[in-house]
N, C-alpha and C. Protein backbone atom coordinates (compact mmCIF):
# COMPACT_ATOMS: atom_id res chain seq x y z
N MET A 1 54.54 6.44 272.42
CA MET A 1 55.90 6.88 272.14
C MET A 1 55.98 7.24 270.63
N ASP A 2 56.67 8.37 270.32
CA ASP A 2 56.83 8.75 268.92
C ASP A 2 57.77 7.84 268.20
N LYS A 3 57.50 7.67 266.94
CA LYS A 3 58.42 6.88 266.11
C LYS A 3 59.68 7.74 265.88
N PRO A 4 60.85 7.05 265.80
CA PRO A 4 62.08 7.82 265.45
C PRO A 4 61.92 8.44 264.01
N THR A 5 62.49 9.63 263.85
CA THR A 5 62.42 10.27 262.56
C THR A 5 63.71 10.05 261.82
N ILE A 6 63.61 9.60 260.58
CA ILE A 6 64.76 9.35 259.71
C ILE A 6 64.67 10.33 258.57
N LEU A 7 65.80 11.00 258.28
CA LEU A 7 65.91 11.94 257.15
C LEU A 7 66.93 11.38 256.21
N ILE A 8 66.53 11.12 254.98
CA ILE A 8 67.43 10.61 253.94
C ILE A 8 67.82 11.77 253.07
N LEU A 9 69.12 11.98 252.92
CA LEU A 9 69.66 13.11 252.22
C LEU A 9 70.38 12.72 250.91
N CYS A 10 70.21 13.51 249.92
CA CYS A 10 70.91 13.44 248.65
C CYS A 10 71.17 14.87 248.18
N THR A 11 71.91 15.06 247.15
CA THR A 11 72.19 16.42 246.67
C THR A 11 70.90 17.08 246.10
N GLY A 12 70.31 16.45 245.10
CA GLY A 12 69.15 17.09 244.39
C GLY A 12 67.82 16.71 244.94
N ASN A 13 67.73 15.66 245.76
CA ASN A 13 66.42 15.22 246.26
C ASN A 13 65.45 15.05 245.10
N SER A 14 65.92 14.34 244.04
CA SER A 14 65.04 14.05 242.92
C SER A 14 64.95 12.54 242.57
N CYS A 15 65.95 11.77 243.00
CA CYS A 15 65.99 10.35 242.62
C CYS A 15 66.26 9.46 243.79
N ARG A 16 67.52 9.29 244.17
CA ARG A 16 67.96 8.32 245.19
C ARG A 16 67.26 8.49 246.54
N SER A 17 67.18 9.73 247.03
CA SER A 17 66.60 9.93 248.38
C SER A 17 65.15 9.66 248.35
N HIS A 18 64.45 9.96 247.26
CA HIS A 18 63.01 9.67 247.19
C HIS A 18 62.76 8.18 247.03
N MET A 19 63.61 7.48 246.28
CA MET A 19 63.45 6.02 246.16
C MET A 19 63.68 5.37 247.51
N ALA A 20 64.70 5.83 248.24
CA ALA A 20 65.02 5.32 249.54
C ALA A 20 63.90 5.61 250.55
N GLU A 21 63.40 6.82 250.53
CA GLU A 21 62.27 7.21 251.39
C GLU A 21 61.08 6.32 251.14
N GLY A 22 60.69 6.14 249.89
CA GLY A 22 59.53 5.31 249.57
C GLY A 22 59.74 3.87 249.96
N ILE A 23 60.89 3.32 249.73
CA ILE A 23 61.18 1.91 250.09
C ILE A 23 61.21 1.77 251.60
N LEU A 24 61.87 2.67 252.30
CA LEU A 24 61.95 2.50 253.77
C LEU A 24 60.52 2.74 254.38
N ARG A 25 59.78 3.68 253.91
CA ARG A 25 58.44 3.87 254.43
C ARG A 25 57.59 2.65 254.16
N HIS A 26 57.74 2.05 252.98
CA HIS A 26 56.99 0.86 252.64
C HIS A 26 57.39 -0.31 253.56
N ALA A 27 58.68 -0.46 253.81
CA ALA A 27 59.19 -1.58 254.59
C ALA A 27 58.97 -1.36 256.10
N ALA A 28 58.98 -0.13 256.58
CA ALA A 28 58.95 0.08 258.00
C ALA A 28 58.29 1.41 258.43
N GLY A 29 57.27 1.78 257.69
CA GLY A 29 56.53 2.97 258.04
C GLY A 29 55.87 2.89 259.42
N ASP A 30 55.68 1.64 259.88
CA ASP A 30 55.12 1.42 261.23
C ASP A 30 56.18 1.70 262.29
N LEU A 31 57.44 1.70 261.91
CA LEU A 31 58.56 1.87 262.90
C LEU A 31 59.14 3.29 262.85
N PHE A 32 59.15 3.96 261.68
CA PHE A 32 59.84 5.20 261.49
C PHE A 32 58.95 6.24 260.83
N ASP A 33 59.24 7.47 261.15
CA ASP A 33 58.73 8.63 260.41
C ASP A 33 59.80 9.02 259.39
N VAL A 34 59.57 8.75 258.11
CA VAL A 34 60.59 8.84 257.13
C VAL A 34 60.40 10.05 256.21
N HIS A 35 61.51 10.80 255.96
CA HIS A 35 61.47 11.97 255.12
C HIS A 35 62.72 11.97 254.26
N SER A 36 62.73 12.79 253.19
CA SER A 36 63.94 12.98 252.40
C SER A 36 64.08 14.45 252.05
N ALA A 37 65.32 14.82 251.78
CA ALA A 37 65.60 16.23 251.40
C ALA A 37 66.94 16.23 250.67
N GLY A 38 67.27 17.43 250.20
CA GLY A 38 68.53 17.58 249.44
C GLY A 38 69.31 18.81 249.88
N SER A 39 70.62 18.75 249.65
CA SER A 39 71.48 19.90 249.97
C SER A 39 71.35 20.98 248.89
N ASN A 40 70.97 20.60 247.66
CA ASN A 40 70.71 21.53 246.58
C ASN A 40 69.54 21.00 245.78
N PRO A 41 68.33 21.05 246.33
CA PRO A 41 67.16 20.38 245.70
C PRO A 41 66.89 20.81 244.25
N ALA A 42 66.59 19.82 243.46
CA ALA A 42 66.29 20.02 242.02
C ALA A 42 64.95 20.72 241.82
N GLY A 43 64.03 20.57 242.78
CA GLY A 43 62.72 21.17 242.63
C GLY A 43 61.67 20.23 242.03
N TYR A 44 62.07 19.00 241.80
CA TYR A 44 61.14 18.00 241.20
C TYR A 44 61.58 16.61 241.60
N VAL A 45 60.66 15.64 241.48
CA VAL A 45 61.02 14.26 241.62
C VAL A 45 61.09 13.65 240.22
N HIS A 46 62.18 12.98 239.91
CA HIS A 46 62.41 12.49 238.58
C HIS A 46 61.30 11.52 238.17
N PRO A 47 60.69 11.65 237.00
CA PRO A 47 59.62 10.77 236.58
C PRO A 47 60.02 9.30 236.52
N MET A 48 61.29 9.01 236.22
CA MET A 48 61.72 7.60 236.19
C MET A 48 61.88 7.04 237.58
N ALA A 49 62.20 7.84 238.56
CA ALA A 49 62.22 7.36 239.93
C ALA A 49 60.78 6.97 240.38
N ILE A 50 59.83 7.80 240.00
CA ILE A 50 58.42 7.48 240.27
C ILE A 50 58.04 6.16 239.58
N GLU A 51 58.40 6.04 238.31
CA GLU A 51 58.06 4.86 237.53
C GLU A 51 58.72 3.61 238.11
N ALA A 52 59.99 3.70 238.43
CA ALA A 52 60.70 2.55 238.95
C ALA A 52 60.11 2.02 240.27
N LEU A 53 59.64 2.94 241.11
CA LEU A 53 59.03 2.48 242.35
C LEU A 53 57.59 1.99 242.14
N LYS A 54 56.92 2.60 241.20
CA LYS A 54 55.55 2.14 240.83
C LYS A 54 55.56 0.68 240.41
N GLU A 55 56.65 0.30 239.72
CA GLU A 55 56.82 -1.11 239.27
C GLU A 55 56.86 -2.10 240.41
N ILE A 56 57.26 -1.62 241.60
CA ILE A 56 57.32 -2.56 242.74
C ILE A 56 56.22 -2.25 243.75
N GLY A 57 55.22 -1.50 243.31
CA GLY A 57 54.06 -1.27 244.15
C GLY A 57 54.20 -0.12 245.16
N ILE A 58 55.11 0.80 244.92
CA ILE A 58 55.32 1.92 245.87
C ILE A 58 55.05 3.20 245.13
N ASP A 59 54.14 4.05 245.66
CA ASP A 59 53.76 5.29 244.99
C ASP A 59 54.47 6.47 245.67
N ILE A 60 55.39 7.13 244.93
CA ILE A 60 56.01 8.34 245.43
C ILE A 60 55.58 9.53 244.57
N SER A 61 54.54 9.39 243.85
CA SER A 61 54.09 10.50 242.90
C SER A 61 53.71 11.75 243.68
N GLY A 62 53.45 11.66 244.94
CA GLY A 62 53.05 12.83 245.71
C GLY A 62 54.22 13.44 246.41
N HIS A 63 55.40 12.92 246.30
CA HIS A 63 56.61 13.49 246.93
C HIS A 63 57.00 14.82 246.31
N THR A 64 57.63 15.68 247.06
CA THR A 64 58.15 16.94 246.57
C THR A 64 59.62 17.03 246.97
N SER A 65 60.35 17.82 246.17
CA SER A 65 61.75 18.06 246.46
C SER A 65 61.88 19.13 247.54
N LYS A 66 62.65 18.79 248.57
CA LYS A 66 62.76 19.70 249.75
C LYS A 66 64.21 19.98 250.08
N HIS A 67 64.45 21.09 250.71
CA HIS A 67 65.83 21.44 251.17
C HIS A 67 66.03 20.92 252.57
N MET A 68 67.28 20.43 252.85
CA MET A 68 67.56 19.80 254.15
C MET A 68 67.41 20.85 255.24
N ASN A 69 67.59 22.13 254.98
CA ASN A 69 67.40 23.11 256.01
C ASN A 69 66.01 23.22 256.51
N ASP A 70 65.03 22.71 255.73
CA ASP A 70 63.65 22.70 256.19
C ASP A 70 63.46 21.83 257.37
N PHE A 71 64.46 21.01 257.68
CA PHE A 71 64.35 20.03 258.79
C PHE A 71 65.19 20.43 260.02
N LEU A 72 65.88 21.56 259.93
CA LEU A 72 66.79 21.93 261.04
C LEU A 72 66.04 22.22 262.32
N ASP A 73 64.76 22.51 262.27
CA ASP A 73 64.02 22.82 263.51
C ASP A 73 63.21 21.64 263.98
N ARG A 74 63.50 20.47 263.40
CA ARG A 74 62.80 19.26 263.81
C ARG A 74 63.76 18.27 264.43
N ARG A 75 63.19 17.43 265.33
CA ARG A 75 64.03 16.39 265.90
C ARG A 75 64.23 15.29 264.88
N ILE A 76 65.49 15.09 264.50
CA ILE A 76 65.87 14.00 263.57
C ILE A 76 66.70 13.01 264.34
N ASP A 77 66.26 11.75 264.39
CA ASP A 77 66.99 10.77 265.15
C ASP A 77 68.12 10.15 264.33
N THR A 78 67.88 9.94 263.04
CA THR A 78 68.85 9.33 262.17
C THR A 78 68.90 10.05 260.80
N VAL A 79 70.09 10.33 260.36
CA VAL A 79 70.35 10.92 259.05
C VAL A 79 71.04 9.84 258.20
N ILE A 80 70.56 9.60 257.01
CA ILE A 80 71.15 8.67 256.11
C ILE A 80 71.42 9.43 254.80
N THR A 81 72.68 9.51 254.45
CA THR A 81 73.06 10.13 253.17
C THR A 81 73.22 9.07 252.13
N VAL A 82 72.74 9.33 250.92
CA VAL A 82 72.79 8.34 249.84
C VAL A 82 73.63 8.78 248.66
N CYS A 83 74.35 9.90 248.84
CA CYS A 83 75.37 10.31 247.84
C CYS A 83 76.47 11.06 248.56
N GLY A 84 77.65 11.06 247.98
CA GLY A 84 78.80 11.65 248.59
C GLY A 84 78.75 13.14 248.85
N ASN A 85 78.15 13.88 247.91
CA ASN A 85 78.04 15.31 248.08
C ASN A 85 77.16 15.66 249.31
N ALA A 86 76.05 14.93 249.48
CA ALA A 86 75.18 15.21 250.62
C ALA A 86 75.89 14.79 251.91
N ASP A 87 76.65 13.76 251.87
CA ASP A 87 77.41 13.35 253.06
C ASP A 87 78.35 14.43 253.51
N GLN A 88 79.02 15.09 252.59
CA GLN A 88 79.94 16.16 252.96
C GLN A 88 79.21 17.43 253.36
N ALA A 89 78.05 17.66 252.82
CA ALA A 89 77.33 18.94 253.17
C ALA A 89 76.39 18.80 254.36
N CYS A 90 76.21 17.61 254.89
CA CYS A 90 75.26 17.33 255.91
C CYS A 90 75.59 17.99 257.25
N PRO A 91 74.65 18.87 257.73
CA PRO A 91 74.85 19.45 259.03
C PRO A 91 74.45 18.49 260.14
N MET A 92 74.69 18.87 261.36
CA MET A 92 74.15 18.11 262.50
C MET A 92 72.72 18.66 262.70
N PHE A 93 71.83 17.72 262.96
CA PHE A 93 70.41 18.08 263.23
C PHE A 93 70.09 17.96 264.69
N PRO A 94 69.24 18.84 265.20
CA PRO A 94 68.91 18.76 266.63
C PRO A 94 68.36 17.37 266.97
N GLY A 95 68.94 16.76 267.99
CA GLY A 95 68.50 15.46 268.43
C GLY A 95 69.08 14.30 267.70
N GLN A 96 69.84 14.58 266.64
CA GLN A 96 70.45 13.52 265.79
C GLN A 96 71.29 12.55 266.65
N VAL A 97 70.93 11.30 266.61
CA VAL A 97 71.65 10.26 267.36
C VAL A 97 72.53 9.41 266.41
N ASN A 98 72.04 9.13 265.29
CA ASN A 98 72.72 8.23 264.31
C ASN A 98 72.97 8.90 262.98
N ARG A 99 74.03 8.51 262.31
CA ARG A 99 74.28 8.98 260.96
C ARG A 99 74.93 7.83 260.19
N HIS A 100 74.37 7.60 258.99
CA HIS A 100 74.88 6.55 258.13
C HIS A 100 75.04 7.16 256.74
N HIS A 101 76.07 6.59 256.04
CA HIS A 101 76.26 6.98 254.64
C HIS A 101 76.27 5.69 253.82
N TRP A 102 75.29 5.57 252.95
CA TRP A 102 75.20 4.46 252.03
C TRP A 102 75.10 5.06 250.62
N GLY A 103 76.20 5.15 249.91
CA GLY A 103 76.22 5.82 248.62
C GLY A 103 75.71 4.94 247.50
N PHE A 104 74.96 5.57 246.61
CA PHE A 104 74.50 4.91 245.39
C PHE A 104 74.73 5.84 244.21
N ASP A 105 74.93 5.24 243.04
CA ASP A 105 75.10 6.03 241.81
C ASP A 105 73.87 6.78 241.55
N ASP A 106 74.06 7.98 240.86
CA ASP A 106 72.93 8.80 240.44
C ASP A 106 72.31 8.21 239.18
N PRO A 107 71.08 7.70 239.26
CA PRO A 107 70.50 6.95 238.13
C PRO A 107 70.56 7.62 236.76
N PRO A 108 70.32 8.95 236.64
CA PRO A 108 70.35 9.53 235.29
C PRO A 108 71.76 9.51 234.71
N LYS A 109 72.77 9.34 235.55
CA LYS A 109 74.17 9.36 235.09
C LYS A 109 74.84 7.98 235.22
N ALA A 110 74.08 6.98 235.50
CA ALA A 110 74.66 5.68 235.86
C ALA A 110 74.49 4.57 234.82
N MET A 111 74.03 4.92 233.60
CA MET A 111 73.83 3.92 232.61
C MET A 111 75.17 3.21 232.23
N VAL A 112 75.11 1.88 232.16
CA VAL A 112 76.24 1.13 231.67
C VAL A 112 75.98 0.76 230.25
N PRO A 113 76.99 0.42 229.44
CA PRO A 113 76.79 0.08 228.03
C PRO A 113 75.65 -0.99 227.84
N GLY A 114 74.74 -0.66 226.92
CA GLY A 114 73.64 -1.57 226.62
C GLY A 114 72.47 -1.40 227.55
N GLU A 115 72.53 -0.49 228.50
CA GLU A 115 71.43 -0.29 229.47
C GLU A 115 70.68 0.99 229.10
N SER A 116 69.38 0.91 229.22
CA SER A 116 68.51 2.09 229.03
C SER A 116 68.51 2.88 230.35
N GLU A 117 68.04 4.14 230.21
CA GLU A 117 67.95 4.99 231.42
C GLU A 117 67.05 4.34 232.44
N ILE A 118 65.86 3.86 232.06
CA ILE A 118 64.96 3.27 233.00
C ILE A 118 65.55 1.99 233.66
N ASP A 119 66.39 1.30 232.88
CA ASP A 119 67.04 0.10 233.44
C ASP A 119 68.07 0.50 234.49
N ALA A 120 68.77 1.64 234.32
CA ALA A 120 69.62 2.20 235.31
C ALA A 120 68.89 2.53 236.56
N PHE A 121 67.70 3.17 236.43
CA PHE A 121 66.88 3.43 237.60
C PHE A 121 66.46 2.16 238.34
N ARG A 122 66.10 1.18 237.56
CA ARG A 122 65.70 -0.13 238.15
C ARG A 122 66.86 -0.80 238.90
N ARG A 123 68.00 -0.74 238.31
CA ARG A 123 69.18 -1.37 238.96
C ARG A 123 69.49 -0.68 240.29
N ILE A 124 69.51 0.63 240.27
CA ILE A 124 69.83 1.39 241.46
C ILE A 124 68.65 1.29 242.48
N ARG A 125 67.46 1.27 241.96
CA ARG A 125 66.30 1.02 242.88
C ARG A 125 66.48 -0.29 243.64
N ASP A 126 66.90 -1.36 242.92
CA ASP A 126 67.10 -2.65 243.54
C ASP A 126 68.21 -2.63 244.53
N GLN A 127 69.27 -1.89 244.27
CA GLN A 127 70.35 -1.74 245.28
C GLN A 127 69.89 -1.04 246.53
N ILE A 128 69.16 0.08 246.33
CA ILE A 128 68.62 0.84 247.45
C ILE A 128 67.62 -0.03 248.21
N ARG A 129 66.82 -0.80 247.55
CA ARG A 129 65.80 -1.68 248.17
C ARG A 129 66.54 -2.73 249.06
N LEU A 130 67.54 -3.30 248.55
CA LEU A 130 68.29 -4.31 249.32
C LEU A 130 68.82 -3.73 250.61
N VAL A 131 69.43 -2.57 250.59
CA VAL A 131 70.01 -1.95 251.78
C VAL A 131 68.93 -1.48 252.75
N PHE A 132 67.93 -0.77 252.27
CA PHE A 132 66.94 -0.21 253.15
C PHE A 132 66.01 -1.24 253.73
N GLU A 133 65.66 -2.27 252.96
CA GLU A 133 64.82 -3.35 253.50
C GLU A 133 65.64 -4.11 254.59
N ALA A 134 66.91 -4.32 254.36
CA ALA A 134 67.76 -4.94 255.39
C ALA A 134 67.88 -4.07 256.65
N TYR A 135 67.96 -2.79 256.48
CA TYR A 135 67.99 -1.88 257.61
C TYR A 135 66.74 -2.02 258.43
N ALA A 136 65.59 -1.97 257.73
CA ALA A 136 64.29 -2.09 258.42
C ALA A 136 64.18 -3.44 259.15
N ALA A 137 64.61 -4.51 258.48
CA ALA A 137 64.53 -5.83 259.08
C ALA A 137 65.44 -5.94 260.28
N GLY A 138 66.64 -5.37 260.23
CA GLY A 138 67.59 -5.41 261.33
C GLY A 138 67.03 -4.61 262.51
N TYR A 139 66.46 -3.48 262.24
CA TYR A 139 65.79 -2.63 263.30
C TYR A 139 64.70 -3.41 263.95
N ARG A 140 63.84 -4.03 263.15
CA ARG A 140 62.69 -4.80 263.68
C ARG A 140 63.19 -5.93 264.50
N GLU A 141 64.22 -6.64 264.07
CA GLU A 141 64.82 -7.76 264.84
C GLU A 141 65.38 -7.28 266.16
N GLY A 142 66.03 -6.16 266.13
CA GLY A 142 66.59 -5.54 267.37
C GLY A 142 65.48 -5.23 268.38
N MET A 143 64.36 -4.76 267.88
CA MET A 143 63.25 -4.44 268.77
C MET A 143 62.70 -5.68 269.39
N ARG A 144 62.66 -6.78 268.63
CA ARG A 144 62.17 -8.07 269.21
C ARG A 144 63.11 -8.60 270.28
N ALA A 145 64.42 -8.37 270.09
CA ALA A 145 65.42 -8.83 271.03
C ALA A 145 65.37 -8.02 272.34
N ASP A 146 64.91 -6.78 272.23
CA ASP A 146 64.80 -5.94 273.43
C ASP A 146 63.59 -6.21 274.27
N ILE A 147 62.64 -7.01 273.78
CA ILE A 147 61.42 -7.30 274.48
C ILE A 147 61.62 -8.34 275.56
């Protein structure tokens, strides 16, 4: 049986969606086929997103920025938006069964007083990690209950 495909969307597909993709793939790559894309892709993955995930043992250095329309001809089981703009721009995908919106601040614009830019990336990475690891654990638990 094929793994369900999850598409994580953000506007630029340069930070949040890539961090979420890497974290979810790390936590549940055995359960899901995970991808990310953007409604207006930046064309690159932010170096600090790569660094923030590297610090927790996840390598997203090979990721590329993609447009969400690249996935319109694929079966997508679940779409997860991680920013408000992508949530509003999100089309229906063929086969889409589930849709979730879990919004996170944009790391390059989210610094609080006294915080460096990399610290903002780390803080948001940790928020994303908490949500996506819980999602993976809940899905795994649900599968055990179905057995």
